[in-house]
Protein backbone atom coordinates (compact mmCIF):
# COMPACT_ATOMS: atom_id res chain seq x y z
CA GLU A 1 -12.60 11.07 -0.74
CA CYS A 2 -14.75 8.90 1.52
CA LEU A 3 -13.59 5.30 2.02
CA ARG A 4 -16.20 2.71 2.96
CA LEU A 5 -15.56 -0.99 3.39
CA GLN A 6 -18.54 -3.26 3.97
CA CYS A 7 -18.69 -6.86 5.04
CA GLN A 8 -21.79 -9.10 5.31
CA VAL A 9 -21.54 -11.59 8.17
CA ALA A 10 -23.87 -14.42 9.23
CA ALA A 11 -23.29 -15.85 12.72
CA ASP A 12 -25.24 -17.35 15.60
CA PRO A 13 -24.60 -16.16 18.28
CA SER A 14 -23.73 -12.80 16.74
CA ALA A 15 -20.07 -12.25 16.00
CA LYS A 16 -17.68 -9.68 17.43
CA ILE A 17 -16.23 -7.71 14.51
CA THR A 18 -12.68 -6.37 14.50
CA TRP A 19 -11.20 -4.25 11.69
CA SER A 20 -7.46 -3.81 11.29
CA LEU A 21 -5.08 -1.97 8.96
CA ASN A 22 -1.70 -3.61 8.30
CA GLY A 23 -2.19 -5.76 11.41
CA LYS A 24 -3.07 -2.84 13.74
CA VAL A 25 -6.60 -2.83 15.22
CA ILE A 26 -8.67 0.16 14.09
CA LYS A 27 -10.53 2.04 16.82
CA PRO A 28 -13.44 4.40 16.11
CA SER A 29 -12.48 8.09 16.12
CA LYS A 30 -13.62 11.50 14.88
CA PHE A 31 -12.68 10.42 11.34
CA ILE A 32 -13.35 6.67 11.49
CA VAL A 33 -16.84 5.23 11.93
CA LEU A 34 -17.27 1.52 12.64
CA SER A 35 -20.83 0.23 12.48
CA GLN A 36 -22.63 -3.08 12.71
CA GLU A 37 -26.29 -3.27 11.72
CA GLY A 38 -27.46 -6.86 11.89
CA GLY A 39 -25.03 -8.76 9.70
CA LEU A 40 -23.77 -5.72 7.79
CA CYS A 41 -20.51 -4.39 9.18
CA SER A 42 -18.87 -1.29 7.80
CA LEU A 43 -15.79 0.84 8.24
CA THR A 44 -16.08 4.43 6.99
CA ILE A 45 -13.29 6.98 6.79
CA ASP A 46 -14.67 10.43 5.90
CA LYS A 47 -11.54 11.70 4.19
CA ALA A 48 -9.10 9.04 3.07
CA LEU A 49 -5.48 10.11 3.46
CA PRO A 50 -2.29 8.49 2.11
CA GLU A 51 -1.69 6.97 5.57
CA ASP A 52 -5.03 5.12 5.29
CA GLU A 53 -3.53 3.02 2.50
CA GLY A 54 -2.78 -0.64 3.15
CA GLN A 55 -4.19 -4.07 3.89
CA TYR A 56 -7.56 -3.90 5.67
CA LYS A 57 -8.83 -6.98 7.46
CA CYS A 58 -12.23 -7.74 8.92
CA VAL A 59 -12.40 -10.53 11.53
CA ALA A 60 -15.72 -11.97 12.72
CA GLU A 61 -15.51 -14.12 15.86
CA ASN A 62 -18.02 -15.89 18.10
CA SER A 63 -18.00 -18.84 20.51
CA ALA A 64 -18.12 -21.33 17.62
CA GLY A 65 -15.27 -20.00 15.52
CA LYS A 66 -13.73 -17.24 13.50
CA SER A 67 -13.78 -15.96 9.91
CA GLU A 68 -11.76 -13.23 8.27
CA CYS A 69 -11.43 -11.40 4.98
CA SER A 70 -9.06 -8.75 3.73
CA CYS A 71 -8.58 -6.27 0.91
CA LYS A 72 -5.98 -3.78 -0.24
CA VAL A 73 -6.77 -0.07 -0.38
CA LEU A 74 -4.67 2.39 -2.38
CA VAL A 75 -5.00 6.12 -1.73
CA ASP A 76 -4.05 8.46 -4.55
CA ASP A 77 -2.82 11.82 -3.29
CA PRO A 78 -3.66 14.39 -5.99
CA THR A 79 -1.39 16.97 -4.32
CA ALA A 80 1.60 14.63 -4.67
CA THR A 81 1.37 14.30 -8.47
CA LYS A 82 1.54 17.15 -10.93
CA SER A 83 -0.34 15.30 -13.67
CA SER A 84 -3.61 15.04 -11.76
CA THR A 85 -6.35 17.43 -12.79
CA PRO A 86 -9.89 17.97 -11.49
CA ALA A 87 -11.02 15.84 -14.45
CA ASP A 88 -9.57 12.84 -12.60
CA LYS A 89 -12.32 13.15 -10.03
CA LYS A 90 -15.26 11.68 -11.89
CA THR A 91 -18.55 12.02 -10.07
CA LYS A 92 -19.87 8.52 -9.60
CA LYS A 93 -22.49 7.17 -7.25
CA THR A 94 -19.96 4.67 -5.91
CA LYS A 95 -17.17 6.50 -4.18
CA SER A 96 -14.68 3.70 -4.48
CA MET A 97 -12.92 2.43 -7.56
CA PRO A 98 -11.62 -1.15 -7.54
CA SER A 99 -7.94 -1.12 -8.44
CA THR A 100 -8.13 -4.53 -10.06
CA THR A 101 -10.82 -6.70 -11.54
CA GLU A 102 -9.48 -9.63 -9.55
CA ASN A 103 -10.71 -9.88 -6.02
CA GLU A 104 -7.75 -10.47 -3.72
CA ALA A 105 -9.86 -10.84 -0.58
CA THR A 106 -9.32 -14.18 1.07
CA ILE A 107 -11.45 -16.00 3.56
CA LYS A 108 -9.76 -18.26 6.07
CA LYS A 109 -11.92 -20.50 8.20
CA LYS A 110 -10.85 -22.33 11.30
CA PRO A 111 -12.62 -25.65 11.83
CA ALA A 112 -15.47 -25.42 14.31
CA PRO A 113 -15.09 -27.35 17.56
CA LYS A 114 -16.44 -30.93 17.40
CA THR A 115 -19.11 -30.23 20.01
CA PRO A 116 -20.21 -26.62 19.58
CA PRO A 117 -22.09 -25.28 22.62
CA LYS A 118 -25.84 -24.71 22.08
CA LEU A 119 -25.50 -25.47 18.36
CA ALA A 120 -23.75 -22.18 17.74
CA THR A 121 -22.62 -21.61 14.16
CA PRO A 122 -19.26 -20.08 13.36
CA PRO A 123 -19.33 -16.73 11.57
CA GLN A 124 -19.57 -16.81 7.80
CA ILE A 125 -18.53 -13.83 5.75
CA LEU A 126 -21.04 -13.68 2.91
CA GLN A 127 -19.88 -10.49 1.26
CA PHE A 128 -16.52 -8.80 1.59
CA PRO A 129 -14.90 -5.61 0.31
CA GLU A 130 -12.91 -5.64 -2.92
CA ASP A 131 -9.53 -4.04 -3.42
CA MET A 132 -10.04 -0.38 -4.22
CA LYS A 133 -8.38 2.90 -4.99
CA VAL A 134 -9.65 6.22 -3.62
CA LEU A 135 -8.51 9.82 -3.90
CA ALA A 136 -7.09 11.59 -0.84
């Protein structure tokens, strides 16, 4: 199943976005697409695999400061369990299913420097991904 995490960021000057999984920086590849259109940043994995499971973090950083958010992603491997049937794959418009109703994403902000250059504003994460569960 496709895994897409999206994060809405507001920053002036524009922020550099870094995605990581379990503390390891994610680089774009044949299977992983990282995009940034204006303030909307997204990470897309065409086919989520069990090894894509873990704690994803999005860090937005500019000259005035840094903001980050994170979420947990669980990947269900239907080949690993005997009980799963094709009926488990419900066709929904949203391809991700939150694993909990509680949002475990946290935003940590570092205080901006007392005299920010050129009135730059530190990045603000306005929208962040929720914990989710996808099928491999």
